[in-house]
Protein backbone atom coordinates (compact mmCIF):
# COMPACT_ATOMS: atom_id res chain seq x y z
CA MET A 1 -16.58 -61.48 22.49
CA SER A 2 -17.66 -62.25 19.04
CA ASN A 3 -18.77 -59.07 16.69
CA PRO A 4 -22.58 -59.30 16.35
CA ILE A 5 -24.59 -59.60 13.36
CA ILE A 6 -25.28 -56.60 11.36
CA PRO A 7 -29.15 -55.85 11.83
CA SER A 8 -30.89 -56.46 8.36
CA MET A 9 -32.01 -52.63 7.92
CA PHE A 10 -28.19 -52.19 7.63
CA ARG A 11 -26.88 -55.26 6.04
CA ARG A 12 -28.60 -54.99 2.58
CA SER A 13 -27.67 -52.58 -0.14
CA LEU A 14 -29.57 -49.60 1.23
CA LEU A 15 -29.77 -45.81 0.75
CA PHE A 16 -30.85 -43.31 3.42
CA HIS A 17 -32.79 -40.14 2.03
CA LEU A 18 -33.09 -37.52 4.62
CA GLU A 19 -36.64 -35.93 4.69
CA THR A 20 -36.57 -33.60 7.63
CA VAL A 21 -34.27 -32.31 10.02
CA ARG A 22 -34.85 -30.13 13.22
CA MET A 23 -32.84 -28.52 16.21
CA HIS A 24 -34.61 -28.64 19.39
CA ARG A 25 -34.05 -27.11 22.77
CA VAL A 26 -35.83 -28.42 25.89
CA PRO A 27 -35.72 -25.90 29.12
CA PRO A 28 -34.79 -27.85 32.35
CA GLY A 29 -37.47 -29.71 33.97
CA LYS A 30 -39.53 -29.89 30.80
CA ALA A 31 -40.51 -32.83 28.31
CA GLU A 32 -41.27 -33.19 24.91
CA SER A 33 -43.10 -36.19 22.91
CA PRO A 34 -42.19 -35.54 19.08
CA GLU A 35 -45.23 -36.67 16.65
CA PRO A 36 -44.78 -40.16 15.66
CA ARG A 37 -43.74 -40.17 12.13
CA ASP A 38 -44.06 -42.67 9.07
CA ALA A 39 -40.44 -42.61 8.79
CA TYR A 40 -37.36 -44.02 10.34
CA THR A 41 -36.24 -41.49 13.19
CA LEU A 42 -32.77 -40.58 14.32
CA PHE A 43 -32.26 -38.79 17.36
CA VAL A 44 -29.07 -37.19 18.60
CA VAL A 45 -28.08 -35.73 21.79
CA LEU A 46 -26.01 -32.57 21.31
CA GLU A 47 -26.22 -30.71 24.69
CA GLY A 48 -27.08 -31.61 28.17
CA GLU A 49 -28.77 -34.81 29.98
CA THR A 50 -32.00 -36.37 29.02
CA GLU A 51 -34.05 -39.34 29.69
CA LEU A 52 -35.44 -41.09 26.77
CA THR A 53 -38.54 -43.17 26.98
CA GLU A 54 -39.66 -46.14 24.01
CA GLY A 55 -41.76 -48.74 24.67
CA GLY A 56 -40.56 -50.42 27.99
CA ARG A 57 -37.24 -48.80 28.07
CA LEU A 58 -35.87 -45.42 29.98
CA LEU A 59 -32.37 -44.80 28.69
CA HIS A 60 -30.21 -41.95 30.29
CA MET A 61 -28.49 -40.09 27.33
CA LEU A 62 -25.56 -37.86 27.06
CA PRO A 63 -24.21 -35.79 24.30
CA GLY A 64 -22.86 -38.10 21.70
CA ALA A 65 -25.83 -40.42 22.16
CA ALA A 66 -28.22 -41.22 19.45
CA PHE A 67 -31.19 -43.45 19.12
CA LEU A 68 -32.77 -44.95 16.28
CA SER A 69 -36.41 -45.59 16.13
CA GLY A 70 -38.71 -47.18 13.75
CA PRO A 71 -41.79 -45.38 12.03
CA GLN A 72 -44.79 -44.65 14.07
CA ASN A 73 -43.13 -45.25 17.35
CA HIS A 74 -43.81 -42.98 20.35
CA ILE A 75 -40.71 -41.70 21.86
CA ALA A 76 -40.61 -39.10 25.16
CA LEU A 77 -38.10 -36.86 26.34
CA ARG A 78 -37.40 -35.24 29.52
CA ASN A 79 -34.64 -32.81 30.45
CA ILE A 80 -32.89 -33.77 33.70
CA ALA A 81 -30.04 -31.27 33.71
CA ALA A 82 -29.67 -28.19 35.38
CA GLY A 83 -29.52 -26.32 31.75
CA SER A 84 -31.16 -26.42 28.49
CA PHE A 85 -31.04 -29.93 26.81
CA ASP A 86 -30.32 -29.60 23.01
CA TYR A 87 -31.05 -32.49 20.38
CA CYS A 88 -31.10 -32.70 16.67
CA VAL A 89 -34.07 -35.38 15.11
CA MET A 90 -34.01 -36.15 11.54
CA THR A 91 -36.30 -38.15 9.70
CA PHE A 92 -35.50 -40.39 6.73
CA ALA A 93 -36.46 -42.72 4.32
CA ALA A 94 -34.71 -46.30 3.79
CA ILE A 95 -34.29 -47.20 -0.21
CA GLU A 96 -33.26 -50.91 -1.19
CA VAL A 97 -32.05 -51.46 -4.65
CA ARG A 98 -32.62 -54.48 -6.28
CA GLU A 99 -31.42 -55.05 -9.78
CA ARG A 100 -30.99 -51.38 -10.25
CA ILE A 101 -34.44 -50.68 -9.30
CA PRO A 102 -34.95 -48.55 -5.82
CA HIS A 103 -37.69 -49.76 -3.59
CA THR A 104 -38.86 -48.36 -0.70
CA TYR A 105 -37.56 -50.39 2.74
CA ALA A 106 -40.57 -51.02 5.05
CA GLU A 107 -39.85 -53.53 7.44
CA GLU A 108 -39.73 -52.77 10.96
CA PRO A 109 -36.26 -52.29 12.32
CA LYS A 110 -36.79 -53.95 15.39
CA ALA A 111 -33.29 -55.45 15.37
CA GLY A 112 -31.74 -52.21 14.54
CA ALA A 113 -33.58 -49.84 16.61
CA GLY A 114 -32.08 -48.50 19.36
CA TYR A 115 -29.45 -46.95 21.53
CA LEU A 116 -26.37 -45.66 19.30
CA LEU A 117 -23.10 -43.91 20.20
CA ALA A 118 -22.28 -41.19 17.63
CA SER A 119 -18.72 -41.54 16.99
CA PRO A 120 -16.36 -39.77 16.18
CA LEU A 121 -18.68 -37.36 18.04
CA ASN A 122 -16.60 -34.23 16.50
CA ARG A 123 -17.08 -35.51 12.63
CA VAL A 124 -20.98 -36.39 13.02
CA LEU A 125 -21.59 -32.74 14.94
CA ARG A 126 -19.76 -31.20 11.88
CA LEU A 127 -21.87 -33.21 9.77
CA ILE A 128 -24.78 -32.37 11.51
CA GLU A 129 -24.00 -28.86 11.41
CA GLN A 130 -23.60 -28.93 7.42
CA ILE A 131 -27.13 -30.77 7.29
CA VAL A 132 -28.90 -28.18 9.24
CA LYS A 133 -27.15 -25.21 7.21
CA ASP A 134 -28.10 -26.52 4.06
CA SER A 135 -31.82 -27.65 5.05
CA PRO A 136 -33.86 -24.08 4.81
CA SER A 137 -34.98 -24.14 1.00
CA PRO A 138 -32.11 -25.84 -0.48
CA GLY A 139 -30.99 -25.55 -4.49
CA GLU A 140 -30.15 -28.44 -6.18
CA ILE A 141 -26.40 -28.64 -5.32
CA ASP A 142 -27.29 -27.68 -1.54
CA GLU A 143 -29.60 -30.68 -1.51
CA TYR A 144 -27.21 -32.99 -3.10
CA ARG A 145 -24.47 -31.87 -0.29
CA ARG A 146 -27.09 -32.38 2.28
CA GLN A 147 -27.87 -35.85 1.33
CA ALA A 148 -24.15 -36.67 0.96
CA CYS A 149 -23.90 -35.49 4.25
CA PHE A 150 -26.57 -37.44 5.56
CA GLN A 151 -25.26 -40.58 3.68
CA GLU A 152 -21.59 -40.27 5.35
CA MET A 153 -23.52 -39.62 9.08
CA MET A 154 -25.17 -42.75 8.49
CA ALA A 155 -22.00 -44.71 7.43
CA LEU A 156 -20.02 -43.22 10.26
CA LEU A 157 -22.85 -44.52 12.88
CA ILE A 158 -22.80 -48.16 10.83
CA GLU A 159 -19.35 -48.31 10.99
CA PHE A 160 -18.62 -47.75 14.76
CA ASN A 161 -22.11 -49.30 16.23
CA TYR A 162 -22.09 -52.53 13.81
CA LYS A 163 -18.87 -53.41 12.32
CA SER A 164 -16.79 -53.58 15.36
CA GLU A 165 -16.78 -54.27 18.86
CA ASN A 166 -18.58 -51.18 19.80
CA ARG A 167 -21.54 -52.34 18.64
CA SER A 168 -21.24 -54.64 21.56
CA ALA A 169 -20.74 -51.69 23.68
CA ALA A 170 -23.63 -49.90 22.65
CA LYS A 171 -25.84 -53.01 23.11
CA LEU A 172 -24.19 -53.47 26.47
CA VAL A 173 -25.11 -50.24 27.84
CA ASP A 174 -29.01 -50.57 26.29
CA ASP A 175 -29.40 -54.06 28.01
CA SER A 176 -27.72 -53.12 30.97
CA LEU A 177 -30.20 -50.19 31.44
CA ALA A 178 -32.92 -51.93 30.46
CA TYR A 179 -32.04 -54.37 32.80
CA MET A 180 -31.81 -52.02 35.66
CA HIS A 181 -35.02 -50.16 35.00
CA ALA A 182 -36.76 -53.59 35.16
CA HIS A 183 -35.17 -54.90 38.39
CA TYR A 184 -34.00 -51.65 40.28
CA MET A 185 -36.22 -53.24 43.42
CA GLU A 186 -33.69 -56.20 43.18
CA ASP A 187 -30.43 -57.04 44.31
CA ILE A 188 -28.15 -55.72 41.41
CA SER A 189 -24.21 -55.80 41.61
CA VAL A 190 -21.70 -54.61 39.12
CA ARG A 191 -20.35 -58.25 39.12
CA GLN A 192 -24.04 -59.37 38.01
CA LEU A 193 -24.42 -56.73 35.35
CA ALA A 194 -20.94 -57.71 33.85
CA LYS A 195 -21.79 -61.66 33.95
CA LEU A 196 -25.00 -60.66 32.17
CA ALA A 197 -23.38 -58.89 29.49
CA ASP A 198 -20.53 -61.49 29.04
CA VAL A 199 -17.65 -59.08 29.62
CA PRO A 200 -15.15 -58.69 32.27
CA GLN A 201 -16.14 -56.68 35.26
CA HIS A 202 -13.22 -53.75 34.73
CA GLN A 203 -13.73 -53.51 31.09
CA TYR A 204 -17.93 -53.35 31.76
CA THR A 205 -17.39 -50.37 34.08
CA SER A 206 -15.38 -48.39 31.89
CA VAL A 207 -18.04 -48.80 28.73
CA PHE A 208 -20.83 -48.41 31.14
CA GLN A 209 -19.16 -45.13 32.13
CA GLN A 210 -18.03 -43.93 28.97
CA ALA A 211 -21.82 -44.29 27.35
CA THR A 212 -23.43 -42.78 30.48
CA GLY A 213 -21.28 -40.40 32.49
CA LYS A 214 -22.16 -42.50 35.30
CA LYS A 215 -20.59 -45.71 37.05
CA PRO A 216 -23.07 -48.70 37.09
CA LEU A 217 -23.69 -48.31 40.75
CA ASP A 218 -24.04 -44.68 40.73
CA TYR A 219 -26.58 -44.86 37.71
CA LEU A 220 -28.47 -47.48 39.68
CA ASN A 221 -28.77 -45.37 43.04
CA GLY A 222 -29.86 -42.11 41.17
CA LEU A 223 -32.57 -44.68 39.69
CA ARG A 224 -33.70 -45.82 42.72
CA ILE A 225 -33.77 -42.33 44.42
CA GLU A 226 -35.90 -41.05 41.84
CA ARG A 227 -38.34 -43.99 41.92
CA SER A 228 -38.63 -43.40 45.67
CA LYS A 229 -39.78 -39.81 45.01
CA GLU A 230 -42.84 -40.93 43.40
CA ARG A 231 -43.40 -43.31 46.30
CA LEU A 232 -42.98 -40.56 48.73
CA ARG A 233 -45.39 -38.05 47.31
CA ALA A 234 -47.83 -40.38 46.43
CA SER A 235 -48.14 -42.94 49.58
CA ASP A 236 -48.31 -43.01 53.09
CA ALA A 237 -46.25 -46.32 53.35
CA PRO A 238 -43.53 -46.50 56.11
CA LEU A 239 -40.20 -45.29 54.89
CA ARG A 240 -38.87 -48.88 55.46
CA GLU A 241 -41.46 -50.31 52.87
CA ILE A 242 -40.60 -47.59 50.13
CA ALA A 243 -37.08 -48.22 50.69
CA ARG A 244 -37.45 -52.18 50.13
CA GLN A 245 -39.75 -51.12 47.17
CA VAL A 246 -37.01 -49.28 45.24
CA GLY A 247 -34.24 -51.78 46.22
CA TYR A 248 -32.64 -50.74 49.78
CA ARG A 249 -32.50 -53.37 52.40
CA ASP A 250 -31.72 -50.94 55.16
CA GLU A 251 -33.76 -47.72 55.26
CA TYR A 252 -31.06 -45.96 57.23
CA TYR A 253 -28.89 -46.30 54.14
CA PHE A 254 -31.39 -45.33 52.02
CA SER A 255 -31.96 -42.25 53.73
CA ARG A 256 -27.92 -41.42 53.61
CA ARG A 257 -27.99 -42.16 49.76
CA PHE A 258 -31.30 -39.89 49.46
CA ARG A 259 -29.82 -37.07 51.22
CA GLN A 260 -26.49 -37.45 49.43
CA LEU A 261 -28.20 -37.03 45.82
CA THR A 262 -31.39 -34.81 46.76
CA GLY A 263 -29.63 -32.63 49.67
CA ARG A 264 -32.72 -33.51 51.76
CA THR A 265 -33.82 -36.29 54.06
CA PRO A 266 -36.90 -38.46 52.96
CA ARG A 267 -38.71 -36.92 55.72
CA GLN A 268 -37.75 -33.23 54.54
CA TYR A 269 -38.56 -34.05 51.22
CA THR A 270 -42.00 -35.03 51.76
CA LEU A 271 -42.73 -32.15 54.11
CA THR A 272 -41.48 -29.57 51.55
CA PRO A 273 -44.19 -28.32 49.07
CA PRO A 274 -44.38 -29.98 45.80
CA GLU A 275 -41.78 -28.01 43.16
CA ARG A 276 -43.40 -26.44 40.42
CA VAL A 277 -43.13 -27.39 36.84
CA LYS A 278 -44.31 -25.42 33.55
CA VAL A 279 -46.65 -27.70 31.34
CA ARG A 280 -48.38 -27.04 28.32
CA ASP A 281 -51.95 -28.18 28.19
CA TRP A 282 -54.22 -29.51 25.43
CA LEU A 283 -55.48 -26.14 24.48
CA GLY A 284 -51.86 -25.03 24.38
CA ARG A 285 -51.84 -22.88 27.75
CA THR A 286 -48.46 -22.95 29.55
CA VAL A 287 -49.61 -23.53 33.33
CA GLU A 288 -47.46 -23.93 36.32
CA VAL A 289 -48.41 -26.98 38.29
CA PRO A 290 -47.07 -29.16 41.38
CA GLU A 291 -44.24 -31.67 40.30
CA SER A 292 -46.57 -34.55 42.32
CA PRO A 293 -49.80 -33.23 42.84
CA ARG A 294 -51.87 -34.86 45.79
CA ARG A 295 -55.06 -33.50 45.57
CA ILE A 296 -56.54 -33.79 42.30
CA VAL A 297 -59.94 -32.89 41.01
CA TYR A 298 -60.65 -34.54 37.44
CA HIS A 299 -63.49 -33.12 35.48
CA GLY A 300 -64.56 -35.71 32.55
CA GLU A 301 -65.42 -38.95 31.65
CA THR A 302 -61.90 -41.06 31.66
CA VAL A 303 -61.12 -40.73 35.43
CA GLY A 304 -60.31 -44.28 35.11
CA ASP A 305 -57.02 -43.20 33.65
CA LEU A 306 -56.12 -41.57 37.02
CA LEU A 307 -57.45 -44.46 39.13
CA ALA A 308 -55.09 -46.91 37.09
CA LEU A 309 -52.09 -44.72 38.06
CA GLY A 310 -53.09 -45.03 41.92
CA ALA A 311 -53.75 -40.79 41.82
CA GLU A 312 -55.60 -39.58 44.69
CA VAL A 313 -58.69 -37.99 42.96
CA VAL A 314 -60.84 -35.77 45.54
CA GLY A 315 -63.15 -34.12 43.32
CA GLY A 316 -64.86 -34.83 39.75
CA SER A 317 -68.27 -34.93 38.23
CA ALA A 318 -71.07 -37.22 39.33
CA PHE A 319 -72.64 -36.53 35.82
CA TRP A 320 -69.92 -39.12 34.49
CA SER A 321 -69.23 -41.52 37.39
CA GLN A 322 -72.69 -42.35 37.58
CA ARG A 323 -72.45 -43.71 33.84
CA SER A 324 -69.54 -46.01 34.60
CA VAL A 325 -69.08 -48.95 36.38
CA LEU A 326 -66.41 -47.13 38.37
CA GLY A 327 -69.01 -45.55 40.24
CA ASN A 328 -68.01 -47.78 43.61
CA LEU A 329 -64.48 -46.84 43.05
CA LEU A 330 -65.51 -42.95 43.28
CA ARG A 331 -67.64 -43.35 46.34
CA ASP A 332 -65.39 -40.75 48.07
CA VAL A 333 -64.84 -38.47 45.24
CA VAL A 334 -67.00 -35.07 45.94
CA ASP A 335 -69.30 -34.33 43.20
CA VAL A 336 -68.32 -30.56 41.91
CA GLY A 337 -71.55 -30.78 39.50
CA PHE A 338 -71.20 -30.65 35.73
CA MET A 339 -71.44 -27.11 35.44
CA ILE A 340 -68.56 -26.93 38.51
CA ASP A 341 -69.98 -25.21 42.21
CA GLU A 342 -67.19 -23.35 42.72
CA ASP A 343 -67.86 -23.36 46.65
CA LYS A 344 -67.52 -27.11 46.45
CA LEU A 345 -64.60 -26.91 44.34
CA ARG A 346 -62.55 -24.37 46.33
CA GLY A 347 -63.55 -26.58 49.86
CA LEU A 348 -61.63 -29.24 48.47
CA LYS A 349 -58.83 -27.26 48.32
CA PRO A 350 -57.14 -29.07 45.42
CA ASP A 351 -53.77 -28.62 44.12
CA LEU A 352 -54.44 -29.44 40.62
CA ILE A 353 -57.61 -29.54 38.60
CA ILE A 354 -57.76 -31.34 35.20
CA LEU A 355 -60.55 -30.34 32.92
CA ALA A 356 -61.43 -32.43 30.14
CA SER A 357 -63.18 -29.50 28.21
CA SER A 358 -62.39 -26.54 26.29
CA ASP A 359 -65.14 -24.47 27.83
CA GLU A 360 -64.02 -21.26 28.90
CA ASN A 361 -66.31 -20.75 31.58
CA LYS A 362 -65.53 -23.92 33.36
CA TYR A 363 -61.81 -23.17 32.93
CA GLY A 364 -62.40 -19.67 34.09
CA LYS A 365 -64.18 -20.83 37.32
CA ALA A 366 -61.28 -23.65 38.02
CA ALA A 367 -58.17 -21.72 37.33
CA ALA A 368 -59.45 -19.06 40.10
CA ILE A 369 -59.09 -21.51 42.48
CA ALA A 370 -56.05 -24.04 41.54
CA PRO A 371 -53.76 -24.66 38.88
CA THR A 372 -55.75 -26.28 36.16
CA VAL A 373 -55.11 -27.63 32.93
CA THR A 374 -57.13 -28.82 29.84
CA PHE A 375 -57.16 -32.43 28.70
CA ASP A 376 -57.92 -34.16 25.74
CA SER A 377 -59.88 -37.62 27.21
CA PHE A 378 -60.64 -38.47 23.49
CA ALA A 379 -56.88 -38.90 22.67
CA PRO A 380 -55.78 -42.55 22.19
CA LEU A 381 -54.94 -44.58 25.38
CA ARG A 382 -51.05 -44.09 24.95
CA ASP A 383 -51.22 -40.71 24.41
CA ARG A 384 -53.49 -39.84 27.61
CA MET A 385 -51.60 -42.13 29.80
CA SER A 386 -48.47 -40.56 28.85
CA VAL A 387 -49.60 -37.09 29.48
CA LEU A 388 -50.98 -38.11 32.70
CA GLY A 389 -48.12 -39.58 33.91
CA ASN A 390 -45.68 -36.43 33.11
CA LEU A 391 -48.49 -34.25 34.65
CA LEU A 392 -48.83 -36.01 38.13
CA GLY A 393 -45.12 -36.95 38.74
CA LEU A 394 -46.05 -40.80 37.91
CA ARG A 395 -44.10 -41.24 34.29
CA HIS A 396 -42.69 -44.62 35.44
CA SER A 397 -45.99 -45.88 36.46
CA ALA A 398 -47.63 -44.77 33.64
CA GLU A 399 -45.11 -46.58 31.30
CA GLN A 400 -45.30 -49.72 33.39
CA TRP A 401 -49.26 -49.88 33.15
CA LEU A 402 -49.38 -49.40 29.36
CA ASN A 403 -46.85 -51.87 28.87
CA THR A 404 -48.56 -54.55 31.17
CA TYR A 405 -51.77 -53.53 29.10
CA GLU A 406 -50.48 -53.69 26.02
CA GLU A 407 -48.86 -57.15 26.36
CA ARG A 408 -52.05 -58.35 28.23
CA SER A 409 -53.93 -57.31 25.00
CA ALA A 410 -51.62 -58.88 22.76
CA ARG A 411 -51.94 -62.19 24.83
CA MET A 412 -55.65 -61.86 24.29
CA TRP A 413 -55.91 -61.67 20.87
CA HIS A 414 -53.49 -64.37 20.46
CA ARG A 415 -55.64 -66.84 22.18
CA LEU A 416 -58.66 -66.03 20.05
CA ARG A 417 -56.44 -66.42 16.88
CA ASP A 418 -58.62 -69.95 16.59
CA GLU A 419 -61.95 -67.88 17.03
CA LEU A 420 -61.38 -65.26 14.57
CA ALA A 421 -60.99 -65.44 10.83
CA PRO A 422 -58.46 -63.68 8.89
CA GLY A 423 -59.41 -60.20 8.36
CA GLU A 424 -62.69 -60.51 10.38
CA SER A 425 -64.94 -57.35 10.75
CA ALA A 426 -66.65 -56.15 13.26
CA SER A 427 -69.35 -53.10 13.94
CA VAL A 428 -70.60 -51.48 16.86
CA PHE A 429 -74.02 -50.00 17.03
CA ILE A 430 -75.75 -48.37 19.84
CA ALA A 431 -79.63 -47.28 20.59
CA ASP A 432 -79.67 -44.15 21.66
CA ARG A 433 -82.61 -41.69 23.57
CA CYS A 434 -85.56 -41.72 21.81
CA GLY A 435 -84.96 -44.61 19.74
CA LYS A 436 -82.23 -43.06 17.49
CA PHE A 437 -79.46 -45.27 16.18
CA PHE A 438 -75.71 -44.58 15.56
CA VAL A 439 -72.82 -46.39 14.17
CA MET A 440 -69.65 -45.66 16.55
CA GLY A 441 -66.15 -44.94 15.19
CA ALA A 442 -63.00 -43.72 16.89
CA ILE A 443 -64.99 -43.97 20.72
CA GLY A 444 -65.46 -46.42 23.40
CA LEU A 445 -65.71 -50.05 22.67
CA PRO A 446 -64.40 -49.77 19.03
CA LYS A 447 -60.85 -48.80 20.42
CA THR A 448 -60.51 -52.14 21.64
CA LEU A 449 -62.25 -54.25 19.15
CA TYR A 450 -59.99 -52.49 16.00
CA HIS A 451 -56.57 -53.99 16.57
CA ASP A 452 -53.92 -55.04 14.74
CA SER A 453 -54.46 -58.73 15.71
CA GLY A 454 -58.11 -58.24 16.11
CA PHE A 455 -61.04 -57.19 14.03
CA ARG A 456 -60.98 -54.74 11.15
CA ALA A 457 -63.37 -51.84 10.89
CA PRO A 458 -66.06 -52.25 7.49
CA SER A 459 -64.81 -49.59 5.03
CA TYR A 460 -67.43 -46.81 6.02
CA ILE A 461 -66.43 -47.11 9.37
CA GLY A 462 -62.76 -46.98 8.88
CA GLN A 463 -63.60 -43.55 7.13
CA LEU A 464 -65.21 -42.33 10.03
CA ILE A 465 -62.09 -43.38 12.14
CA SER A 466 -59.56 -41.87 9.86
CA GLN A 467 -61.54 -38.62 9.80
CA GLY A 468 -61.47 -38.74 13.70
CA ARG A 469 -65.54 -38.99 13.97
CA PHE A 470 -66.58 -40.48 17.06
CA TYR A 471 -70.12 -41.79 15.57
CA LYS A 472 -72.76 -40.98 13.01
CA GLU A 473 -76.59 -41.16 13.22
CA ILE A 474 -78.29 -43.88 11.12
CA VAL A 475 -81.42 -45.34 9.83
CA PRO A 476 -82.41 -49.18 10.06
CA ARG A 477 -81.95 -49.76 6.26
CA ASP A 478 -78.40 -48.21 6.42
CA LEU A 479 -77.61 -51.39 8.85
CA PRO A 480 -76.87 -54.00 5.82
CA ALA A 481 -74.18 -51.85 4.15
CA LEU A 482 -72.61 -51.36 7.65
CA ALA A 483 -72.79 -54.68 9.44
CA GLY A 484 -69.72 -56.40 9.97
CA ASP A 485 -68.82 -60.19 10.07
CA ARG A 486 -69.96 -59.67 13.93
CA ILE A 487 -72.18 -56.82 15.04
CA PHE A 488 -71.95 -55.50 18.86
CA MET A 489 -75.15 -53.63 20.03
CA VAL A 490 -74.73 -51.43 22.57
CA LEU A 491 -77.52 -50.36 24.97
CA THR A 492 -77.97 -47.54 27.04
CA SER A 493 -79.97 -47.40 30.47
CA GLU A 494 -82.49 -45.36 28.51
CA GLU A 495 -85.86 -47.09 28.38
CA SER A 496 -86.63 -45.55 24.71
CA SER A 497 -83.46 -47.08 23.65
CA ARG A 498 -83.78 -50.62 24.59
CA LYS A 499 -87.37 -50.75 23.19
CA ALA A 500 -86.10 -49.22 19.81
CA ALA A 501 -83.11 -52.27 19.90
CA TYR A 502 -85.41 -55.00 20.91
CA ALA A 503 -87.68 -53.82 18.05
CA LEU A 504 -85.36 -53.83 15.72
CA ALA A 505 -83.89 -57.48 16.67
CA ASN A 506 -87.56 -58.59 15.84
CA SER A 507 -87.48 -56.93 12.30
CA LYS A 508 -86.79 -59.23 9.30
CA LEU A 509 -84.23 -56.50 8.55
CA TRP A 510 -82.32 -57.34 11.16
CA GLN A 511 -82.53 -61.06 11.10
CA ASP A 512 -81.32 -61.58 7.34
CA LEU A 513 -78.15 -59.90 8.57
CA PRO A 514 -75.29 -62.11 7.98
CA ALA A 515 -74.07 -61.80 11.29
CA VAL A 516 -77.23 -62.35 12.61
CA ARG A 517 -77.94 -65.77 10.94
CA ALA A 518 -74.25 -66.97 11.99
CA GLY A 519 -75.36 -66.11 15.87
CA ARG A 520 -72.81 -63.45 16.07
CA VAL A 521 -74.07 -60.87 17.68
CA TYR A 522 -73.41 -59.30 21.05
CA TRP A 523 -75.70 -57.27 23.48
CA VAL A 524 -73.76 -55.14 25.60
CA GLU A 525 -74.41 -52.68 28.54
CA ASP A 526 -73.09 -48.94 27.72
CA GLU A 527 -71.89 -48.26 31.21
CA SER A 528 -69.72 -51.58 31.24
CA TRP A 529 -68.59 -51.76 27.68
CA ASN A 530 -68.34 -48.46 25.98
CA TYR A 531 -66.02 -46.44 28.21
CA GLY A 532 -62.40 -45.85 26.82
CA ASP A 533 -60.62 -45.16 30.14
CA ALA A 534 -57.69 -47.02 31.33
CA LEU A 535 -59.45 -49.36 33.72
CA THR A 536 -62.63 -50.44 31.49
CA CYS A 537 -60.13 -51.06 28.81
CA ASP A 538 -58.15 -53.41 30.90
CA ARG A 539 -61.19 -54.97 32.15
CA LEU A 540 -62.28 -55.45 28.80
CA VAL A 541 -59.13 -57.56 27.94
CA GLU A 542 -60.65 -60.01 30.56
CA GLN A 543 -64.17 -59.90 29.53
CA LEU A 544 -64.10 -59.97 25.76
CA PRO A 545 -62.92 -63.38 24.93
CA ALA A 546 -65.91 -64.90 26.89
CA LEU A 547 -68.29 -62.62 25.48
CA LEU A 548 -66.91 -63.49 21.92
CA LEU A 549 -67.10 -67.47 22.65
CA GLN A 550 -70.99 -67.48 23.27
CA SER A 551 -73.39 -66.91 20.57
CA SER A 552 -75.92 -64.76 20.49
């Protein structure tokens, strides 16, 4: 087996400058999602076991495993052991020296990011201890020693993972885990995995077990049983169907495997009240919630997030559902009122209430009835879906949905590349009650339009978004300064808003705007286009191309 090519971020004359280092301890059953940073990030597992999720990959990591991530990448770690899970996270900058002049290395390290083996482990752990020891308010000598230790540690990682057959071993495990997580529902054999890895079968099993602590088929069976738990809690499908969905052709064999790994039969598992886990909600409260809630009340405007995951929503607020095209999907959801009717809420017997509000009065009413968590419904879509996946015991489903949505979104913008000029801008305005006009920022339709491969926001709107502002009231004379190359005008169902918008459309000021003269104005309904929930975002991926290809 030939040695792999060293990834570009390790092939040039680079220096690595350590920026931050922190030790973390994650209690049993809990998860963490470190804030994405504008730097490279290295995670090293010190104690316990974890599942690390990044993009479409889910990796099982033991002590001595490391993971290198690029800037602004989202990472989630979940403790899957009975004891605490300890890890170290280091952020660093890569500096390339060209003709004796240092330059910040800014390339996305896709080829160099991923699963690594920290070896020799004892030496790497001693270097980490020294780096942490010298980190609190280091003096000049301490800082020099800290940077030297970090350089040495990076050299060990590079040497072991990229300059010998060991990199092939690390990549073998990384690729095998990715394949298992994508195809666990299919027939998979060790022989097949070894063939895909292009190594002898006996060597494959040894390398895999050294990296993960499990034989390949033991890991695969554990993965299948975990996936079956999600389905057993969330579905009333027959056992044979659930067995088939996770890769078992024989429901009796599935039941034996399930009992071996969990100590219970599938039926006993479904009849046993869900285990409770502690979560930290949007406002920082620690709440004990069911591991896999079945009767959920969601009180907020992004109920489409839960529907996209197949969650069973039994209650909510008609104030939001009536203002969205999702109304038909919510016909069996009981309206508990905008201010929360306690009797109605109690009558639903919910096992979890999700409250998209910081209103203490609402929280007090809800928390007296069932476990209640607050939820930031205005957070980015990926963040919301990840939080809900962890909260509802549907983590894998959430990651799958996000990956599919992001792939479809990327394909949509690729199809539109001939329609859009490079750097083309767009503005979204809304005519609201009483004939008032607003320019929209970090909410609703703009979240779909402003994309790396899509539209850019005009300067002032970009400032609103960077400040986290959702919208700002404007007057018609502001339009020339705010209008982009294309304009989206959102209409509400209020008669006053529509009259004001139509009056504006007949004005000379409006008709003189370049986007109007070019026929690049799009009139859209608020309830169909201006919600940011998962189902609406997914639908816009289908509808936006047709809208853009028509003239106003």
